[in-house]
Amino acid sequence: MKKQPHPYLPTEDRRRAIAEAARALIVEKGFEGLRTREIADRVGINVATLHYHVPTKEALIELLAQSMLDEFTAQHMSNPRDGLSPLEQLKLEFSEFRDTAINNPNLLHAMIELKRRSEYDDKVARYINPMSAGWRCHFATILEAGIADGTFRSDIDVNAAALIIVGTLALLAGRRQPLDETVYGQVTGELVRSIQACPSNNPG
């Protein structure tokens, strides 16, 4: 549905609206359904104005990736980590991911769709792969800290474990049905127990 135009909308707000419209289209129709005219219609602008902000398909992908990164970063910054143990940090990551899956599922669904596309589209991979690699590295850093303080098993392969965690979360959030919070809690609980040094003595 075409929105009424907003000729005086600030540039950053306009770009945010373009990113949100593109994200919704990816979720609804897949990457192949991403059409500039439909994006423009949803934002309430003409195609020429859209091309002023994102002159190429690659520029649109870059805008999408940056908008998603900004939202993930804002969520991360809203929950300070200072003073948290590695186990508490890991549980906070699981809690934040659950909140996003419930309250902003399009963000995760679009990210997952773009990640799939990146497997055979170099232009998408250029912007999406660094984001997914950074997510894995973040979990690996938490795991390394937990090994160092004795919370997590000393024999963990941190890169493999981080990949397992990321893959599991993506699988749980990748379905179009609402997140099953009970299943999510059970699965993330098992992930925690599988890496703890002494689960029975360290309930966290």
C-alpha atoms as a PDB file:
ATOM      1  CA  MET A   1       0.000   0.000   0.000  1.00  0.00           C
ATOM      2  CA  LYS A   2       1.411   3.381  -1.029  1.00  0.00           C
ATOM      3  CA  LYS A   3       1.930   5.848   1.799  1.00  0.00           C
ATOM      4  CA  GLN A   4       1.374   9.579   1.565  1.00  0.00           C
ATOM      5  CA  PRO A   5       4.641  11.347   0.677  1.00  0.00           C
ATOM      6  CA  HIS A   6       6.612  13.179   3.311  1.00  0.00           C
ATOM      7  CA  PRO A   7       8.653  15.725   1.329  1.00  0.00           C
ATOM      8  CA  TYR A   8      10.349  17.283   4.361  1.00  0.00           C
ATOM      9  CA  LEU A   9      11.341  14.079   6.144  1.00  0.00           C
ATOM     10  CA  PRO A  10      14.994  14.355   7.284  1.00  0.00           C
ATOM     11  CA  THR A  11      17.487  12.336   5.252  1.00  0.00           C
ATOM     12  CA  GLU A  12      18.309   9.873   8.030  1.00  0.00           C
ATOM     13  CA  ASP A  13      14.611   9.256   8.713  1.00  0.00           C
ATOM     14  CA  ARG A  14      14.028   8.733   5.005  1.00  0.00           C
ATOM     15  CA  ARG A  15      16.872   6.244   4.780  1.00  0.00           C
ATOM     16  CA  ARG A  16      15.553   4.441   7.848  1.00  0.00           C
ATOM     17  CA  ALA A  17      12.120   4.193   6.238  1.00  0.00           C
ATOM     18  CA  ILE A  18      13.664   2.819   3.040  1.00  0.00           C
ATOM     19  CA  ALA A  19      15.581   0.197   5.019  1.00  0.00           C
ATOM     20  CA  GLU A  20      12.462  -0.835   6.947  1.00  0.00           C
ATOM     21  CA  ALA A  21      10.409  -1.148   3.760  1.00  0.00           C
ATOM     22  CA  ALA A  22      13.132  -3.202   2.074  1.00  0.00           C
ATOM     23  CA  ARG A  23      13.431  -5.422   5.127  1.00  0.00           C
ATOM     24  CA  ALA A  24       9.691  -6.081   5.170  1.00  0.00           C
ATOM     25  CA  LEU A  25       9.733  -6.980   1.479  1.00  0.00           C
ATOM     26  CA  ILE A  26      12.585  -9.435   1.984  1.00  0.00           C
ATOM     27  CA  VAL A  27      10.644 -11.125   4.769  1.00  0.00           C
ATOM     28  CA  GLU A  28       7.440 -11.270   2.729  1.00  0.00           C
ATOM     29  CA  LYS A  29       8.821 -12.161  -0.705  1.00  0.00           C
ATOM     30  CA  GLY A  30      12.466 -13.123  -0.317  1.00  0.00           C
ATOM     31  CA  PHE A  31      15.413 -11.260  -1.766  1.00  0.00           C
ATOM     32  CA  GLU A  32      14.132 -11.877  -5.295  1.00  0.00           C
ATOM     33  CA  GLY A  33      11.015  -9.894  -4.427  1.00  0.00           C
ATOM     34  CA  LEU A  34      12.975  -6.763  -3.599  1.00  0.00           C
ATOM     35  CA  ARG A  35      11.718  -4.235  -6.145  1.00  0.00           C
ATOM     36  CA  THR A  36      12.591  -0.545  -6.076  1.00  0.00           C
ATOM     37  CA  ARG A  37       9.126   0.594  -7.135  1.00  0.00           C
ATOM     38  CA  GLU A  38       7.477  -1.334  -4.322  1.00  0.00           C
ATOM     39  CA  ILE A  39       9.971   0.008  -1.800  1.00  0.00           C
ATOM     40  CA  ALA A  40       9.242   3.544  -3.001  1.00  0.00           C
ATOM     41  CA  ASP A  41       5.486   2.949  -2.786  1.00  0.00           C
ATOM     42  CA  ARG A  42       5.754   1.703   0.783  1.00  0.00           C
ATOM     43  CA  VAL A  43       7.847   4.673   1.845  1.00  0.00           C
ATOM     44  CA  GLY A  44       5.597   7.141   0.025  1.00  0.00           C
ATOM     45  CA  ILE A  45       8.202   8.501  -2.391  1.00  0.00           C
ATOM     46  CA  ASN A  46       8.829   8.221  -6.110  1.00  0.00           C
ATOM     47  CA  VAL A  47      11.503   5.997  -7.619  1.00  0.00           C
ATOM     48  CA  ALA A  48      13.721   8.970  -8.476  1.00  0.00           C
ATOM     49  CA  THR A  49      13.812   9.989  -4.806  1.00  0.00           C
ATOM     50  CA  LEU A  50      14.570   6.423  -3.803  1.00  0.00           C
ATOM     51  CA  HIS A  51      17.491   6.325  -6.242  1.00  0.00           C
ATOM     52  CA  TYR A  52      18.789   9.590  -4.781  1.00  0.00           C
ATOM     53  CA  HIS A  53      19.227   7.819  -1.442  1.00  0.00           C
ATOM     54  CA  VAL A  54      20.214   4.383  -2.782  1.00  0.00           C
ATOM     55  CA  PRO A  55      21.386   4.755  -6.400  1.00  0.00           C
ATOM     56  CA  THR A  56      22.227   1.055  -6.849  1.00  0.00           C
ATOM     57  CA  LYS A  57      21.129  -2.341  -5.586  1.00  0.00           C
ATOM     58  CA  GLU A  58      24.427  -2.640  -3.758  1.00  0.00           C
ATOM     59  CA  ALA A  59      23.818   0.684  -2.027  1.00  0.00           C
ATOM     60  CA  LEU A  60      20.450  -0.652  -0.894  1.00  0.00           C
ATOM     61  CA  ILE A  61      22.088  -3.801   0.494  1.00  0.00           C
ATOM     62  CA  GLU A  62      24.650  -1.666   2.309  1.00  0.00           C
ATOM     63  CA  LEU A  63      21.860   0.451   3.810  1.00  0.00           C
ATOM     64  CA  LEU A  64      19.988  -2.679   4.889  1.00  0.00           C
ATOM     65  CA  ALA A  65      23.064  -4.158   6.535  1.00  0.00           C
ATOM     66  CA  GLN A  66      23.934  -0.913   8.310  1.00  0.00           C
ATOM     67  CA  SER A  67      20.381  -0.470   9.586  1.00  0.00           C
ATOM     68  CA  MET A  68      20.367  -3.985  11.026  1.00  0.00           C
ATOM     69  CA  LEU A  69      23.787  -3.512  12.591  1.00  0.00           C
ATOM     70  CA  ASP A  70      22.612  -0.247  14.147  1.00  0.00           C
ATOM     71  CA  GLU A  71      19.622  -1.983  15.748  1.00  0.00           C
ATOM     72  CA  PHE A  72      21.681  -4.879  17.076  1.00  0.00           C
ATOM     73  CA  THR A  73      24.242  -2.416  18.442  1.00  0.00           C
ATOM     74  CA  ALA A  74      21.582  -0.248  20.092  1.00  0.00           C
ATOM     75  CA  GLN A  75      20.129  -3.278  21.838  1.00  0.00           C
ATOM     76  CA  HIS A  76      23.575  -4.391  22.966  1.00  0.00           C
ATOM     77  CA  MET A  77      24.393  -0.944  24.321  1.00  0.00           C
ATOM     78  CA  SER A  78      21.092  -0.722  26.211  1.00  0.00           C
ATOM     79  CA  ASN A  79      22.197  -3.559  28.498  1.00  0.00           C
ATOM     80  CA  PRO A  80      25.618  -2.789  30.020  1.00  0.00           C
ATOM     81  CA  ARG A  81      27.986  -5.748  30.398  1.00  0.00           C
ATOM     82  CA  ASP A  82      30.354  -4.165  32.903  1.00  0.00           C
ATOM     83  CA  GLY A  83      30.841  -6.419  35.896  1.00  0.00           C
ATOM     84  CA  LEU A  84      28.980  -9.381  34.422  1.00  0.00           C
ATOM     85  CA  SER A  85      30.598 -12.795  34.535  1.00  0.00           C
ATOM     86  CA  PRO A  86      31.031 -14.719  31.263  1.00  0.00           C
ATOM     87  CA  LEU A  87      28.069 -16.915  32.199  1.00  0.00           C
ATOM     88  CA  GLU A  88      25.904 -13.869  32.905  1.00  0.00           C
ATOM     89  CA  GLN A  89      26.992 -12.330  29.599  1.00  0.00           C
ATOM     90  CA  LEU A  90      26.058 -15.496  27.723  1.00  0.00           C
ATOM     91  CA  LYS A  91      22.638 -15.617  29.362  1.00  0.00           C
ATOM     92  CA  LEU A  92      22.113 -11.937  28.559  1.00  0.00           C
ATOM     93  CA  GLU A  93      22.902 -12.645  24.889  1.00  0.00           C
ATOM     94  CA  PHE A  94      20.264 -15.380  24.885  1.00  0.00           C
ATOM     95  CA  SER A  95      17.769 -13.056  26.591  1.00  0.00           C
ATOM     96  CA  GLU A  96      18.372 -10.247  24.092  1.00  0.00           C
ATOM     97  CA  PHE A  97      18.017 -12.601  21.157  1.00  0.00           C
ATOM     98  CA  ARG A  98      14.726 -13.907  22.576  1.00  0.00           C
ATOM     99  CA  ASP A  99      13.435 -10.341  22.972  1.00  0.00           C
ATOM    100  CA  THR A 100      14.330  -9.518  19.375  1.00  0.00           C
ATOM    101  CA  ALA A 101      12.684 -12.698  18.081  1.00  0.00           C
ATOM    102  CA  ILE A 102       9.486 -11.774  19.919  1.00  0.00           C
ATOM    103  CA  ASN A 103       9.370  -7.999  19.460  1.00  0.00           C
ATOM    104  CA  ASN A 104      11.215  -7.462  16.171  1.00  0.00           C
ATOM    105  CA  PRO A 105      11.090 -10.751  14.235  1.00  0.00           C
ATOM    106  CA  ASN A 106      11.494  -9.034  10.848  1.00  0.00           C
ATOM    107  CA  LEU A 107      14.995  -7.987  11.868  1.00  0.00           C
ATOM    108  CA  LEU A 108      16.065 -11.589  12.391  1.00  0.00           C
ATOM    109  CA  HIS A 109      14.131 -13.017   9.451  1.00  0.00           C
ATOM    110  CA  ALA A 110      15.667 -10.470   7.078  1.00  0.00           C
ATOM    111  CA  MET A 111      19.136 -11.157   8.450  1.00  0.00           C
ATOM    112  CA  ILE A 112      18.691 -14.899   7.967  1.00  0.00           C
ATOM    113  CA  GLU A 113      17.365 -14.435   4.431  1.00  0.00           C
ATOM    114  CA  LEU A 114      20.285 -12.184   3.519  1.00  0.00           C
ATOM    115  CA  LYS A 115      22.732 -14.674   5.025  1.00  0.00           C
ATOM    116  CA  ARG A 116      21.286 -17.400   2.807  1.00  0.00           C
ATOM    117  CA  ARG A 117      21.608 -15.106  -0.191  1.00  0.00           C
ATOM    118  CA  SER A 118      25.222 -14.333   0.698  1.00  0.00           C
ATOM    119  CA  GLU A 119      26.176 -17.936  -0.016  1.00  0.00           C
ATOM    120  CA  TYR A 120      25.999 -17.232  -3.759  1.00  0.00           C
ATOM    121  CA  ASP A 121      25.779 -13.444  -4.055  1.00  0.00           C
ATOM    122  CA  ASP A 122      29.089 -11.645  -3.520  1.00  0.00           C
ATOM    123  CA  LYS A 123      27.451  -8.229  -3.197  1.00  0.00           C
ATOM    124  CA  VAL A 124      25.323  -9.430  -0.290  1.00  0.00           C
ATOM    125  CA  ALA A 125      28.217 -11.376   1.227  1.00  0.00           C
ATOM    126  CA  ARG A 126      30.358  -8.219   1.293  1.00  0.00           C
ATOM    127  CA  TYR A 127      28.057  -6.632   3.865  1.00  0.00           C
ATOM    128  CA  ILE A 128      26.402  -9.550   5.631  1.00  0.00           C
ATOM    129  CA  ASN A 129      29.331 -11.900   6.212  1.00  0.00           C
ATOM    130  CA  PRO A 130      31.261  -9.445   8.414  1.00  0.00           C
ATOM    131  CA  MET A 131      28.169  -9.063  10.590  1.00  0.00           C
ATOM    132  CA  SER A 132      27.661 -12.792  11.044  1.00  0.00           C
ATOM    133  CA  ALA A 133      31.390 -13.312  11.621  1.00  0.00           C
ATOM    134  CA  GLY A 134      31.362 -10.585  14.253  1.00  0.00           C
ATOM    135  CA  TRP A 135      28.466 -12.305  16.035  1.00  0.00           C
ATOM    136  CA  ARG A 136      30.372 -15.601  16.148  1.00  0.00           C
ATOM    137  CA  CYS A 137      33.499 -13.843  17.376  1.00  0.00           C
ATOM    138  CA  HIS A 138      31.502 -12.166  20.142  1.00  0.00           C
ATOM    139  CA  PHE A 139      30.337 -15.541  21.435  1.00  0.00           C
ATOM    140  CA  ALA A 140      33.860 -16.939  21.090  1.00  0.00           C
ATOM    141  CA  THR A 141      35.164 -14.079  23.241  1.00  0.00           C
ATOM    142  CA  ILE A 142      32.618 -14.832  25.958  1.00  0.00           C
ATOM    143  CA  LEU A 143      33.529 -18.515  25.847  1.00  0.00           C
ATOM    144  CA  GLU A 144      37.249 -17.747  26.109  1.00  0.00           C
ATOM    145  CA  ALA A 145      36.607 -15.584  29.166  1.00  0.00           C
ATOM    146  CA  GLY A 146      34.540 -18.362  30.735  1.00  0.00           C
ATOM    147  CA  ILE A 147      37.301 -20.892  30.163  1.00  0.00           C
ATOM    148  CA  ALA A 148      39.832 -18.496  31.689  1.00  0.00           C
ATOM    149  CA  ASP A 149      37.822 -18.032  34.901  1.00  0.00           C
ATOM    150  CA  GLY A 150      36.901 -21.711  35.187  1.00  0.00           C
ATOM    151  CA  THR A 151      33.180 -21.293  34.508  1.00  0.00           C
ATOM    152  CA  PHE A 152      33.255 -23.155  31.193  1.00  0.00           C
ATOM    153  CA  ARG A 153      34.911 -26.432  30.240  1.00  0.00           C
ATOM    154  CA  SER A 154      38.610 -26.092  29.537  1.00  0.00           C
ATOM    155  CA  ASP A 155      38.432 -28.369  26.482  1.00  0.00           C
ATOM    156  CA  ILE A 156      35.897 -26.301  24.540  1.00  0.00           C
ATOM    157  CA  ASP A 157      36.738 -25.520  20.937  1.00  0.00           C
ATOM    158  CA  VAL A 158      35.550 -21.929  21.162  1.00  0.00           C
ATOM    159  CA  ASN A 159      35.144 -21.372  17.419  1.00  0.00           C
ATOM    160  CA  ALA A 160      33.134 -24.572  16.963  1.00  0.00           C
ATOM    161  CA  ALA A 161      31.037 -23.855  20.052  1.00  0.00           C
ATOM    162  CA  ALA A 162      30.343 -20.294  18.899  1.00  0.00           C
ATOM    163  CA  LEU A 163      29.235 -21.611  15.509  1.00  0.00           C
ATOM    164  CA  ILE A 164      26.916 -24.114  17.215  1.00  0.00           C
ATOM    165  CA  ILE A 165      25.379 -21.363  19.336  1.00  0.00           C
ATOM    166  CA  VAL A 166      24.833 -19.008  16.400  1.00  0.00           C
ATOM    167  CA  GLY A 167      23.440 -21.781  14.211  1.00  0.00           C
ATOM    168  CA  THR A 168      21.065 -22.941  16.923  1.00  0.00           C
ATOM    169  CA  LEU A 169      19.721 -19.451  17.577  1.00  0.00           C
ATOM    170  CA  ALA A 170      19.250 -18.831  13.848  1.00  0.00           C
ATOM    171  CA  LEU A 171      17.380 -22.112  13.517  1.00  0.00           C
ATOM    172  CA  LEU A 172      15.067 -21.268  16.409  1.00  0.00           C
ATOM    173  CA  ALA A 173      14.318 -17.793  15.047  1.00  0.00           C
ATOM    174  CA  GLY A 174      14.264 -18.692  11.358  1.00  0.00           C
ATOM    175  CA  ARG A 175      10.786 -20.165  11.341  1.00  0.00           C
ATOM    176  CA  ARG A 176       7.925 -17.847  10.463  1.00  0.00           C
ATOM    177  CA  GLN A 177       5.846 -18.994  13.432  1.00  0.00           C
ATOM    178  CA  PRO A 178       6.131 -16.988  16.674  1.00  0.00           C
ATOM    179  CA  LEU A 179       9.053 -18.039  18.827  1.00  0.00           C
ATOM    180  CA  ASP A 180       8.165 -20.868  21.202  1.00  0.00           C
ATOM    181  CA  GLU A 181       9.567 -19.420  24.415  1.00  0.00           C
ATOM    182  CA  THR A 182       9.386 -22.730  26.259  1.00  0.00           C
ATOM    183  CA  VAL A 183      11.419 -24.538  23.608  1.00  0.00           C
ATOM    184  CA  TYR A 184      13.801 -21.592  23.376  1.00  0.00           C
ATOM    185  CA  GLY A 185      14.426 -21.702  27.123  1.00  0.00           C
ATOM    186  CA  GLN A 186      14.986 -25.449  27.044  1.00  0.00           C
ATOM    187  CA  VAL A 187      17.428 -25.269  24.139  1.00  0.00           C
ATOM    188  CA  THR A 188      19.456 -22.346  25.466  1.00  0.00           C
ATOM    189  CA  GLY A 189      19.502 -24.000  28.883  1.00  0.00           C
ATOM    190  CA  GLU A 190      21.041 -27.099  27.324  1.00  0.00           C
ATOM    191  CA  LEU A 191      23.582 -24.965  25.496  1.00  0.00           C
ATOM    192  CA  VAL A 192      24.649 -23.439  28.804  1.00  0.00           C
ATOM    193  CA  ARG A 193      24.855 -26.803  30.560  1.00  0.00           C
ATOM    194  CA  SER A 194      26.868 -28.317  27.719  1.00  0.00           C
ATOM    195  CA  ILE A 195      29.708 -25.824  28.181  1.00  0.00           C
ATOM    196  CA  GLN A 196      29.734 -25.370  31.948  1.00  0.00           C
ATOM    197  CA  ALA A 197      32.677 -26.850  33.791  1.00  0.00           C
ATOM    198  CA  CYS A 198      30.569 -28.234  36.643  1.00  0.00           C
ATOM    199  CA  PRO A 199      26.861 -27.820  35.865  1.00  0.00           C
ATOM    200  CA  SER A 200      25.710 -29.477  39.066  1.00  0.00           C
ATOM    201  CA  ASN A 201      27.793 -27.122  41.232  1.00  0.00           C
ATOM    202  CA  ASN A 202      27.409 -23.944  39.213  1.00  0.00           C
ATOM    203  CA  PRO A 203      23.743 -23.165  38.617  1.00  0.00           C
ATOM    204  CA  GLY A 204      24.628 -19.600  37.544  1.00  0.00           C
END
